[in-house]
Amino acid sequence: MRVKGESMVPTLHDGSIVAVNHAVRGPDELVGKVVALRDAEEDGILIRRVRHPKGYWHFAPDNSGVDADGEPYPVVIVPCDHNADYPAAENPIVGKVDWAWSLFP
């Protein structure tokens, strides 16, 4: 898939291409990794890094700045229960980004 926007700069720039491994979706094994993520508010797929504060999964952009409209890039927060399996229907992770061809400005 093609990356849209600058939310993952400096790791990935707008127009970069990533390969997403749909077989790797478990949040526990992806902490610190870059993933493709379903996001209903953004109406599509986001590329984010998995963070793991207690009780929640944070899917954060690498770019701590703001977009062209002056808005911060969205952080997706999902509650998790570590004592239960993470049901696939509730797992927003599409897959792990295994490969990237990053465009540099």
PDB file of N, CA and C in Angstrom:
ATOM      1  N   MET A   1       0.839  -1.170   0.000  1.00  0.00           N
ATOM      2  CA  MET A   1       0.000   0.000   0.000  1.00  0.00           C
ATOM      3  C   MET A   1       0.885   1.235   0.000  1.00  0.00           C
ATOM      4  N   ARG A   2       0.329   2.364  -0.391  1.00  0.00           N
ATOM      5  CA  ARG A   2       1.058   3.617  -0.453  1.00  0.00           C
ATOM      6  C   ARG A   2       0.729   4.467   0.774  1.00  0.00           C
ATOM      7  N   VAL A   3       1.752   5.040   1.378  1.00  0.00           N
ATOM      8  CA  VAL A   3       1.603   5.898   2.551  1.00  0.00           C
ATOM      9  C   VAL A   3       1.113   7.268   2.094  1.00  0.00           C
ATOM     10  N   LYS A   4       0.094   7.768   2.796  1.00  0.00           N
ATOM     11  CA  LYS A   4      -0.429   9.098   2.492  1.00  0.00           C
ATOM     12  C   LYS A   4      -0.152  10.013   3.671  1.00  0.00           C
ATOM     13  N   GLY A   5       0.454  11.143   3.425  1.00  0.00           N
ATOM     14  CA  GLY A   5       0.709  12.109   4.478  1.00  0.00           C
ATOM     15  C   GLY A   5       2.071  11.933   5.123  1.00  0.00           C
ATOM     16  N   GLU A   6       2.345  12.799   6.079  1.00  0.00           N
ATOM     17  CA  GLU A   6       3.656  12.852   6.725  1.00  0.00           C
ATOM     18  C   GLU A   6       3.638  12.367   8.176  1.00  0.00           C
ATOM     19  N   SER A   7       2.598  11.635   8.573  1.00  0.00           N
ATOM     20  CA  SER A   7       2.468  11.236   9.981  1.00  0.00           C
ATOM     21  C   SER A   7       3.574  10.304  10.463  1.00  0.00           C
ATOM     22  N   MET A   8       4.235   9.591   9.562  1.00  0.00           N
ATOM     23  CA  MET A   8       5.266   8.638   9.983  1.00  0.00           C
ATOM     24  C   MET A   8       6.686   9.126   9.688  1.00  0.00           C
ATOM     25  N   VAL A   9       6.842  10.403   9.343  1.00  0.00           N
ATOM     26  CA  VAL A   9       8.170  10.982   9.135  1.00  0.00           C
ATOM     27  C   VAL A   9       8.892  10.995  10.477  1.00  0.00           C
ATOM     28  N   PRO A  10      10.128  10.627  10.589  1.00  0.00           N
ATOM     29  CA  PRO A  10      11.116  10.427   9.539  1.00  0.00           C
ATOM     30  C   PRO A  10      11.209   8.998   9.015  1.00  0.00           C
ATOM     31  N   THR A  11      10.421   8.071   9.555  1.00  0.00           N
ATOM     32  CA  THR A  11      10.499   6.672   9.132  1.00  0.00           C
ATOM     33  C   THR A  11       9.996   6.489   7.708  1.00  0.00           C
ATOM     34  N   LEU A  12       8.804   7.006   7.416  1.00  0.00           N
ATOM     35  CA  LEU A  12       8.184   6.882   6.098  1.00  0.00           C
ATOM     36  C   LEU A  12       7.650   8.241   5.661  1.00  0.00           C
ATOM     37  N   HIS A  13       7.907   8.600   4.422  1.00  0.00           N
ATOM     38  CA  HIS A  13       7.432   9.869   3.883  1.00  0.00           C
ATOM     39  C   HIS A  13       6.219   9.640   2.988  1.00  0.00           C
ATOM     40  N   ASP A  14       5.490  10.705   2.706  1.00  0.00           N
ATOM     41  CA  ASP A  14       4.337  10.656   1.816  1.00  0.00           C
ATOM     42  C   ASP A  14       4.736  10.005   0.491  1.00  0.00           C
ATOM     43  N   GLY A  15       3.944   9.045   0.041  1.00  0.00           N
ATOM     44  CA  GLY A  15       4.212   8.359  -1.219  1.00  0.00           C
ATOM     45  C   GLY A  15       5.043   7.101  -1.081  1.00  0.00           C
ATOM     46  N   SER A  16       5.578   6.840   0.103  1.00  0.00           N
ATOM     47  CA  SER A  16       6.344   5.611   0.307  1.00  0.00           C
ATOM     48  C   SER A  16       5.425   4.405   0.120  1.00  0.00           C
ATOM     49  N   ILE A  17       6.019   3.281  -0.206  1.00  0.00           N
ATOM     50  CA  ILE A  17       5.251   2.056  -0.417  1.00  0.00           C
ATOM     51  C   ILE A  17       5.646   1.053   0.659  1.00  0.00           C
ATOM     52  N   VAL A  18       4.640   0.405   1.260  1.00  0.00           N
ATOM     53  CA  VAL A  18       4.895  -0.595   2.299  1.00  0.00           C
ATOM     54  C   VAL A  18       4.220  -1.912   1.931  1.00  0.00           C
ATOM     55  N   ALA A  19       4.850  -3.003   2.355  1.00  0.00           N
ATOM     56  CA  ALA A  19       4.260  -4.334   2.221  1.00  0.00           C
ATOM     57  C   ALA A  19       3.759  -4.740   3.599  1.00  0.00           C
ATOM     58  N   VAL A  20       2.491  -5.145   3.669  1.00  0.00           N
ATOM     59  CA  VAL A  20       1.854  -5.473   4.936  1.00  0.00           C
ATOM     60  C   VAL A  20       1.645  -6.976   5.023  1.00  0.00           C
ATOM     61  N   ASN A  21       2.164  -7.588   6.092  1.00  0.00           N
ATOM     62  CA  ASN A  21       2.017  -9.018   6.332  1.00  0.00           C
ATOM     63  C   ASN A  21       0.738  -9.235   7.134  1.00  0.00           C
ATOM     64  N   HIS A  22      -0.307  -9.710   6.473  1.00  0.00           N
ATOM     65  CA  HIS A  22      -1.616  -9.898   7.111  1.00  0.00           C
ATOM     66  C   HIS A  22      -1.626 -11.057   8.116  1.00  0.00           C
ATOM     67  N   ALA A  23      -0.614 -11.904   8.092  1.00  0.00           N
ATOM     68  CA  ALA A  23      -0.566 -13.046   9.008  1.00  0.00           C
ATOM     69  C   ALA A  23      -0.085 -12.640  10.404  1.00  0.00           C
ATOM     70  N   VAL A  24       0.527 -11.476  10.525  1.00  0.00           N
ATOM     71  CA  VAL A  24       1.057 -11.026  11.819  1.00  0.00           C
ATOM     72  C   VAL A  24       0.191  -9.878  12.315  1.00  0.00           C
ATOM     73  N   ARG A  25      -0.713 -10.193  13.273  1.00  0.00           N
ATOM     74  CA  ARG A  25      -1.678  -9.195  13.741  1.00  0.00           C
ATOM     75  C   ARG A  25      -1.770  -9.104  15.254  1.00  0.00           C
ATOM     76  N   GLY A  26      -1.083  -9.943  15.988  1.00  0.00           N
ATOM     77  CA  GLY A  26      -1.198  -9.947  17.445  1.00  0.00           C
ATOM     78  C   GLY A  26      -0.486  -8.758  18.069  1.00  0.00           C
ATOM     79  N   PRO A  27      -1.212  -7.891  18.767  1.00  0.00           N
ATOM     80  CA  PRO A  27      -0.588  -6.691  19.336  1.00  0.00           C
ATOM     81  C   PRO A  27       0.590  -6.972  20.258  1.00  0.00           C
ATOM     82  N   ASP A  28       0.526  -8.065  21.039  1.00  0.00           N
ATOM     83  CA  ASP A  28       1.617  -8.362  21.977  1.00  0.00           C
ATOM     84  C   ASP A  28       2.948  -8.566  21.265  1.00  0.00           C
ATOM     85  N   GLU A  29       2.921  -9.155  20.083  1.00  0.00           N
ATOM     86  CA  GLU A  29       4.166  -9.415  19.358  1.00  0.00           C
ATOM     87  C   GLU A  29       4.604  -8.223  18.510  1.00  0.00           C
ATOM     88  N   LEU A  30       3.817  -7.152  18.494  1.00  0.00           N
ATOM     89  CA  LEU A  30       4.111  -6.020  17.616  1.00  0.00           C
ATOM     90  C   LEU A  30       4.481  -4.731  18.352  1.00  0.00           C
ATOM     91  N   VAL A  31       4.672  -4.788  19.655  1.00  0.00           N
ATOM     92  CA  VAL A  31       5.028  -3.585  20.406  1.00  0.00           C
ATOM     93  C   VAL A  31       6.329  -3.004  19.835  1.00  0.00           C
ATOM     94  N   GLY A  32       6.302  -1.728  19.489  1.00  0.00           N
ATOM     95  CA  GLY A  32       7.455  -1.044  18.913  1.00  0.00           C
ATOM     96  C   GLY A  32       7.552  -1.167  17.403  1.00  0.00           C
ATOM     97  N   LYS A  33       6.700  -1.990  16.790  1.00  0.00           N
ATOM     98  CA  LYS A  33       6.742  -2.219  15.342  1.00  0.00           C
ATOM     99  C   LYS A  33       5.762  -1.291  14.617  1.00  0.00           C
ATOM    100  N   VAL A  34       5.960  -1.164  13.314  1.00  0.00           N
ATOM    101  CA  VAL A  34       5.071  -0.366  12.467  1.00  0.00           C
ATOM    102  C   VAL A  34       4.019  -1.298  11.878  1.00  0.00           C
ATOM    103  N   VAL A  35       2.751  -0.868  11.943  1.00  0.00           N
ATOM    104  CA  VAL A  35       1.639  -1.689  11.465  1.00  0.00           C
ATOM    105  C   VAL A  35       0.687  -0.865  10.599  1.00  0.00           C
ATOM    106  N   ALA A  36      -0.110  -1.580   9.813  1.00  0.00           N
ATOM    107  CA  ALA A  36      -1.255  -0.983   9.126  1.00  0.00           C
ATOM    108  C   ALA A  36      -2.446  -1.214  10.047  1.00  0.00           C
ATOM    109  N   LEU A  37      -3.273  -0.183  10.185  1.00  0.00           N
ATOM    110  CA  LEU A  37      -4.303  -0.164  11.213  1.00  0.00           C
ATOM    111  C   LEU A  37      -5.609   0.354  10.635  1.00  0.00           C
ATOM    112  N   ARG A  38      -6.721  -0.383  10.890  1.00  0.00           N
ATOM    113  CA  ARG A  38      -8.050   0.108  10.514  1.00  0.00           C
ATOM    114  C   ARG A  38      -8.432   1.240  11.442  1.00  0.00           C
ATOM    115  N   ASP A  39      -8.958   2.327  10.889  1.00  0.00           N
ATOM    116  CA  ASP A  39      -9.397   3.433  11.732  1.00  0.00           C
ATOM    117  C   ASP A  39     -10.681   4.012  11.175  1.00  0.00           C
ATOM    118  N   ALA A  40     -11.798   3.774  11.885  1.00  0.00           N
ATOM    119  CA  ALA A  40     -13.111   4.230  11.441  1.00  0.00           C
ATOM    120  C   ALA A  40     -13.192   5.746  11.371  1.00  0.00           C
ATOM    121  N   GLU A  41     -12.552   6.448  12.305  1.00  0.00           N
ATOM    122  CA  GLU A  41     -12.611   7.916  12.300  1.00  0.00           C
ATOM    123  C   GLU A  41     -11.921   8.503  11.088  1.00  0.00           C
ATOM    124  N   GLU A  42     -10.835   7.896  10.657  1.00  0.00           N
ATOM    125  CA  GLU A  42     -10.118   8.378   9.483  1.00  0.00           C
ATOM    126  C   GLU A  42     -10.673   7.755   8.200  1.00  0.00           C
ATOM    127  N   ASP A  43     -11.638   6.820   8.348  1.00  0.00           N
ATOM    128  CA  ASP A  43     -12.280   6.150   7.218  1.00  0.00           C
ATOM    129  C   ASP A  43     -11.271   5.485   6.289  1.00  0.00           C
ATOM    130  N   GLY A  44     -10.442   4.643   6.855  1.00  0.00           N
ATOM    131  CA  GLY A  44      -9.477   3.933   6.027  1.00  0.00           C
ATOM    132  C   GLY A  44      -8.409   3.250   6.852  1.00  0.00           C
ATOM    133  N   ILE A  45      -7.202   3.210   6.281  1.00  0.00           N
ATOM    134  CA  ILE A  45      -6.067   2.540   6.889  1.00  0.00           C
ATOM    135  C   ILE A  45      -5.008   3.577   7.253  1.00  0.00           C
ATOM    136  N   LEU A  46      -4.483   3.459   8.466  1.00  0.00           N
ATOM    137  CA  LEU A  46      -3.389   4.307   8.917  1.00  0.00           C
ATOM    138  C   LEU A  46      -2.144   3.451   9.103  1.00  0.00           C
ATOM    139  N   ILE A  47      -0.990   4.062   8.973  1.00  0.00           N
ATOM    140  CA  ILE A  47       0.265   3.409   9.331  1.00  0.00           C
ATOM    141  C   ILE A  47       0.700   4.037  10.654  1.00  0.00           C
ATOM    142  N   ARG A  48       0.926   3.193  11.663  1.00  0.00           N
ATOM    143  CA  ARG A  48       1.280   3.685  12.992  1.00  0.00           C
ATOM    144  C   ARG A  48       2.238   2.712  13.675  1.00  0.00           C
ATOM    145  N   ARG A  49       2.889   3.189  14.727  1.00  0.00           N
ATOM    146  CA  ARG A  49       3.771   2.357  15.543  1.00  0.00           C
ATOM    147  C   ARG A  49       2.991   1.924  16.791  1.00  0.00           C
ATOM    148  N   VAL A  50       3.107   0.650  17.152  1.00  0.00           N
ATOM    149  CA  VAL A  50       2.388   0.102  18.302  1.00  0.00           C
ATOM    150  C   VAL A  50       3.132   0.471  19.582  1.00  0.00           C
ATOM    151  N   ARG A  51       2.416   1.100  20.495  1.00  0.00           N
ATOM    152  CA  ARG A  51       2.918   1.410  21.837  1.00  0.00           C
ATOM    153  C   ARG A  51       2.015   0.675  22.819  1.00  0.00           C
ATOM    154  N   HIS A  52       2.490   0.451  24.009  1.00  0.00           N
ATOM    155  CA  HIS A  52       1.725  -0.394  24.922  1.00  0.00           C
ATOM    156  C   HIS A  52       1.692   0.147  26.348  1.00  0.00           C
ATOM    157  N   PRO A  53       1.008   1.255  26.583  1.00  0.00           N
ATOM    158  CA  PRO A  53       0.798   1.673  27.970  1.00  0.00           C
ATOM    159  C   PRO A  53      -0.149   0.687  28.647  1.00  0.00           C
ATOM    160  N   LYS A  54      -0.115   0.642  29.944  1.00  0.00           N
ATOM    161  CA  LYS A  54      -0.928  -0.326  30.690  1.00  0.00           C
ATOM    162  C   LYS A  54      -2.416  -0.161  30.390  1.00  0.00           C
ATOM    163  N   GLY A  55      -3.051  -1.266  30.034  1.00  0.00           N
ATOM    164  CA  GLY A  55      -4.496  -1.284  29.821  1.00  0.00           C
ATOM    165  C   GLY A  55      -4.968  -0.771  28.466  1.00  0.00           C
ATOM    166  N   TYR A  56      -4.058  -0.240  27.651  1.00  0.00           N
ATOM    167  CA  TYR A  56      -4.444   0.308  26.341  1.00  0.00           C
ATOM    168  C   TYR A  56      -3.365   0.000  25.319  1.00  0.00           C
ATOM    169  N   TRP A  57      -3.787  -0.127  24.077  1.00  0.00           N
ATOM    170  CA  TRP A  57      -2.852  -0.152  22.957  1.00  0.00           C
ATOM    171  C   TRP A  57      -2.862   1.244  22.364  1.00  0.00           C
ATOM    172  N   HIS A  58      -1.703   1.849  22.230  1.00  0.00           N
ATOM    173  CA  HIS A  58      -1.571   3.138  21.555  1.00  0.00           C
ATOM    174  C   HIS A  58      -0.953   2.868  20.196  1.00  0.00           C
ATOM    175  N   PHE A  59      -1.551   3.409  19.175  1.00  0.00           N
ATOM    176  CA  PHE A  59      -1.012   3.331  17.826  1.00  0.00           C
ATOM    177  C   PHE A  59      -0.629   4.758  17.465  1.00  0.00           C
ATOM    178  N   ALA A  60       0.670   5.053  17.545  1.00  0.00           N
ATOM    179  CA  ALA A  60       1.135   6.433  17.480  1.00  0.00           C
ATOM    180  C   ALA A  60       1.905   6.729  16.193  1.00  0.00           C
ATOM    181  N   PRO A  61       1.790   7.965  15.704  1.00  0.00           N
ATOM    182  CA  PRO A  61       2.606   8.379  14.563  1.00  0.00           C
ATOM    183  C   PRO A  61       4.046   8.597  15.025  1.00  0.00           C
ATOM    184  N   ASP A  62       5.003   8.457  14.114  1.00  0.00           N
ATOM    185  CA  ASP A  62       6.391   8.770  14.440  1.00  0.00           C
ATOM    186  C   ASP A  62       6.627  10.276  14.430  1.00  0.00           C
ATOM    187  N   ASN A  63       5.793  11.015  13.689  1.00  0.00           N
ATOM    188  CA  ASN A  63       5.924  12.460  13.574  1.00  0.00           C
ATOM    189  C   ASN A  63       5.130  13.120  14.701  1.00  0.00           C
ATOM    190  N   SER A  64       5.811  13.821  15.587  1.00  0.00           N
ATOM    191  CA  SER A  64       5.124  14.475  16.704  1.00  0.00           C
ATOM    192  C   SER A  64       4.632  15.873  16.337  1.00  0.00           C
ATOM    193  N   GLY A  65       4.773  16.246  15.077  1.00  0.00           N
ATOM    194  CA  GLY A  65       4.346  17.569  14.628  1.00  0.00           C
ATOM    195  C   GLY A  65       2.869  17.623  14.280  1.00  0.00           C
ATOM    196  N   VAL A  66       2.522  18.521  13.377  1.00  0.00           N
ATOM    197  CA  VAL A  66       1.134  18.725  12.972  1.00  0.00           C
ATOM    198  C   VAL A  66       1.006  18.600  11.458  1.00  0.00           C
ATOM    199  N   ASP A  67      -0.227  18.336  10.998  1.00  0.00           N
ATOM    200  CA  ASP A  67      -0.474  18.217   9.569  1.00  0.00           C
ATOM    201  C   ASP A  67      -0.596  19.602   8.925  1.00  0.00           C
ATOM    202  N   ALA A  68      -0.914  19.639   7.639  1.00  0.00           N
ATOM    203  CA  ALA A  68      -1.014  20.895   6.890  1.00  0.00           C
ATOM    204  C   ALA A  68      -2.088  21.829   7.447  1.00  0.00           C
ATOM    205  N   ASP A  69      -3.096  21.262   8.131  1.00  0.00           N
ATOM    206  CA  ASP A  69      -4.164  22.076   8.723  1.00  0.00           C
ATOM    207  C   ASP A  69      -3.830  22.528  10.145  1.00  0.00           C
ATOM    208  N   GLY A  70      -2.639  22.199  10.624  1.00  0.00           N
ATOM    209  CA  GLY A  70      -2.248  22.580  11.973  1.00  0.00           C
ATOM    210  C   GLY A  70      -2.767  21.651  13.058  1.00  0.00           C
ATOM    211  N   GLU A  71      -3.321  20.509  12.657  1.00  0.00           N
ATOM    212  CA  GLU A  71      -3.856  19.529  13.606  1.00  0.00           C
ATOM    213  C   GLU A  71      -2.798  18.465  13.898  1.00  0.00           C
ATOM    214  N   PRO A  72      -2.689  18.011  15.145  1.00  0.00           N
ATOM    215  CA  PRO A  72      -1.739  16.922  15.430  1.00  0.00           C
ATOM    216  C   PRO A  72      -2.195  15.635  14.740  1.00  0.00           C
ATOM    217  N   TYR A  73      -1.237  14.822  14.334  1.00  0.00           N
ATOM    218  CA  TYR A  73      -1.571  13.540  13.726  1.00  0.00           C
ATOM    219  C   TYR A  73      -2.270  12.675  14.766  1.00  0.00           C
ATOM    220  N   PRO A  74      -3.335  11.957  14.362  1.00  0.00           N
ATOM    221  CA  PRO A  74      -4.106  11.205  15.349  1.00  0.00           C
ATOM    222  C   PRO A  74      -3.359  10.018  15.946  1.00  0.00           C
ATOM    223  N   VAL A  75      -3.553   9.852  17.246  1.00  0.00           N
ATOM    224  CA  VAL A  75      -3.096   8.664  17.972  1.00  0.00           C
ATOM    225  C   VAL A  75      -4.348   7.834  18.213  1.00  0.00           C
ATOM    226  N   VAL A  76      -4.322   6.575  17.826  1.00  0.00           N
ATOM    227  CA  VAL A  76      -5.463   5.687  18.018  1.00  0.00           C
ATOM    228  C   VAL A  76      -5.235   4.929  19.323  1.00  0.00           C
ATOM    229  N   ILE A  77      -6.224   4.953  20.216  1.00  0.00           N
ATOM    230  CA  ILE A  77      -6.117   4.284  21.513  1.00  0.00           C
ATOM    231  C   ILE A  77      -7.221   3.242  21.618  1.00  0.00           C
ATOM    232  N   VAL A  78      -6.834   2.000  21.921  1.00  0.00           N
ATOM    233  CA  VAL A  78      -7.778   0.889  22.016  1.00  0.00           C
ATOM    234  C   VAL A  78      -7.588   0.205  23.359  1.00  0.00           C
ATOM    235  N   PRO A  79      -8.658   0.074  24.184  1.00  0.00           N
ATOM    236  CA  PRO A  79      -8.517  -0.649  25.449  1.00  0.00           C
ATOM    237  C   PRO A  79      -8.210  -2.121  25.191  1.00  0.00           C
ATOM    238  N   CYS A  80      -7.440  -2.733  26.076  1.00  0.00           N
ATOM    239  CA  CYS A  80      -7.128  -4.152  25.913  1.00  0.00           C
ATOM    240  C   CYS A  80      -7.249  -4.866  27.249  1.00  0.00           C
ATOM    241  N   ASP A  81      -7.529  -6.142  27.178  1.00  0.00           N
ATOM    242  CA  ASP A  81      -7.626  -6.984  28.360  1.00  0.00           C
ATOM    243  C   ASP A  81      -6.590  -8.083  28.207  1.00  0.00           C
ATOM    244  N   HIS A  82      -5.543  -8.024  29.002  1.00  0.00           N
ATOM    245  CA  HIS A  82      -4.453  -8.987  28.859  1.00  0.00           C
ATOM    246  C   HIS A  82      -4.785 -10.357  29.424  1.00  0.00           C
ATOM    247  N   ASN A  83      -5.914 -10.485  30.096  1.00  0.00           N
ATOM    248  CA  ASN A  83      -6.308 -11.777  30.648  1.00  0.00           C
ATOM    249  C   ASN A  83      -7.199 -12.558  29.700  1.00  0.00           C
ATOM    250  N   ALA A  84      -7.499 -11.975  28.550  1.00  0.00           N
ATOM    251  CA  ALA A  84      -8.364 -12.644  27.574  1.00  0.00           C
ATOM    252  C   ALA A  84      -7.712 -12.578  26.202  1.00  0.00           C
ATOM    253  N   ASP A  85      -8.131 -13.460  25.320  1.00  0.00           N
ATOM    254  CA  ASP A  85      -7.660 -13.382  23.941  1.00  0.00           C
ATOM    255  C   ASP A  85      -8.209 -12.114  23.314  1.00  0.00           C
ATOM    256  N   TYR A  86      -7.461 -11.545  22.406  1.00  0.00           N
ATOM    257  CA  TYR A  86      -7.890 -10.337  21.706  1.00  0.00           C
ATOM    258  C   TYR A  86      -8.708 -10.788  20.502  1.00  0.00           C
ATOM    259  N   PRO A  87     -10.042 -10.661  20.548  1.00  0.00           N
ATOM    260  CA  PRO A  87     -10.867 -11.167  19.447  1.00  0.00           C
ATOM    261  C   PRO A  87     -10.512 -10.505  18.120  1.00  0.00           C
ATOM    262  N   ALA A  88     -10.426 -11.287  17.062  1.00  0.00           N
ATOM    263  CA  ALA A  88     -10.044 -10.769  15.748  1.00  0.00           C
ATOM    264  C   ALA A  88     -10.958  -9.643  15.291  1.00  0.00           C
ATOM    265  N   ALA A  89     -12.252  -9.722  15.621  1.00  0.00           N
ATOM    266  CA  ALA A  89     -13.200  -8.694  15.183  1.00  0.00           C
ATOM    267  C   ALA A  89     -12.876  -7.344  15.817  1.00  0.00           C
ATOM    268  N   GLU A  90     -12.254  -7.344  17.005  1.00  0.00           N
ATOM    269  CA  GLU A  90     -11.936  -6.100  17.690  1.00  0.00           C
ATOM    270  C   GLU A  90     -10.508  -5.638  17.434  1.00  0.00           C
ATOM    271  N   ASN A  91      -9.691  -6.489  16.841  1.00  0.00           N
ATOM    272  CA  ASN A  91      -8.304  -6.146  16.590  1.00  0.00           C
ATOM    273  C   ASN A  91      -8.228  -5.214  15.384  1.00  0.00           C
ATOM    274  N   PRO A  92      -7.806  -3.963  15.574  1.00  0.00           N
ATOM    275  CA  PRO A  92      -7.763  -3.029  14.457  1.00  0.00           C
ATOM    276  C   PRO A  92      -6.542  -3.203  13.558  1.00  0.00           C
ATOM    277  N   ILE A  93      -5.603  -4.075  13.940  1.00  0.00           N
ATOM    278  CA  ILE A  93      -4.376  -4.252  13.159  1.00  0.00           C
ATOM    279  C   ILE A  93      -4.669  -5.068  11.909  1.00  0.00           C
ATOM    280  N   VAL A  94      -4.350  -4.506  10.755  1.00  0.00           N
ATOM    281  CA  VAL A  94      -4.481  -5.214   9.480  1.00  0.00           C
ATOM    282  C   VAL A  94      -3.287  -6.142   9.306  1.00  0.00           C
ATOM    283  N   GLY A  95      -2.113  -5.681   9.700  1.00  0.00           N
ATOM    284  CA  GLY A  95      -0.910  -6.489   9.596  1.00  0.00           C
ATOM    285  C   GLY A  95       0.340  -5.674   9.886  1.00  0.00           C
ATOM    286  N   LYS A  96       1.445  -6.370  10.021  1.00  0.00           N
ATOM    287  CA  LYS A  96       2.742  -5.751  10.298  1.00  0.00           C
ATOM    288  C   LYS A  96       3.372  -5.261   9.004  1.00  0.00           C
ATOM    289  N   VAL A  97       3.968  -4.084   9.048  1.00  0.00           N
ATOM    290  CA  VAL A  97       4.713  -3.589   7.893  1.00  0.00           C
ATOM    291  C   VAL A  97       6.057  -4.313   7.901  1.00  0.00           C
ATOM    292  N   ASP A  98       6.230  -5.214   6.922  1.00  0.00           N
ATOM    293  CA  ASP A  98       7.453  -6.025   6.841  1.00  0.00           C
ATOM    294  C   ASP A  98       8.513  -5.402   5.947  1.00  0.00           C
ATOM    295  N   TRP A  99       8.107  -4.549   5.028  1.00  0.00           N
ATOM    296  CA  TRP A  99       9.029  -3.988   4.051  1.00  0.00           C
ATOM    297  C   TRP A  99       8.545  -2.604   3.674  1.00  0.00           C
ATOM    298  N   ALA A 100       9.472  -1.705   3.421  1.00  0.00           N
ATOM    299  CA  ALA A 100       9.078  -0.358   2.997  1.00  0.00           C
ATOM    300  C   ALA A 100      10.081   0.190   2.004  1.00  0.00           C
ATOM    301  N   TRP A 101       9.561   0.901   1.042  1.00  0.00           N
ATOM    302  CA  TRP A 101      10.376   1.683   0.112  1.00  0.00           C
ATOM    303  C   TRP A 101      10.016   3.121   0.417  1.00  0.00           C
ATOM    304  N   SER A 102      10.910   3.799   1.097  1.00  0.00           N
ATOM    305  CA  SER A 102      10.618   5.130   1.581  1.00  0.00           C
ATOM    306  C   SER A 102      11.149   6.195   0.637  1.00  0.00           C
ATOM    307  N   LEU A 103      10.284   7.126   0.282  1.00  0.00           N
ATOM    308  CA  LEU A 103      10.690   8.266  -0.534  1.00  0.00           C
ATOM    309  C   LEU A 103      11.254   9.342   0.388  1.00  0.00           C
ATOM    310  N   PHE A 104      12.332   9.938   0.017  1.00  0.00           N
ATOM    311  CA  PHE A 104      12.901  11.035   0.799  1.00  0.00           C
ATOM    312  C   PHE A 104      12.730  12.337   0.028  1.00  0.00           C
ATOM    313  N   PRO A 105      12.394  13.404   0.746  1.00  0.00           N
ATOM    314  CA  PRO A 105      12.153  14.686   0.060  1.00  0.00           C
ATOM    315  C   PRO A 105      13.418  15.239  -0.572  1.00  0.00           C
TER     316      PRO A 105
END
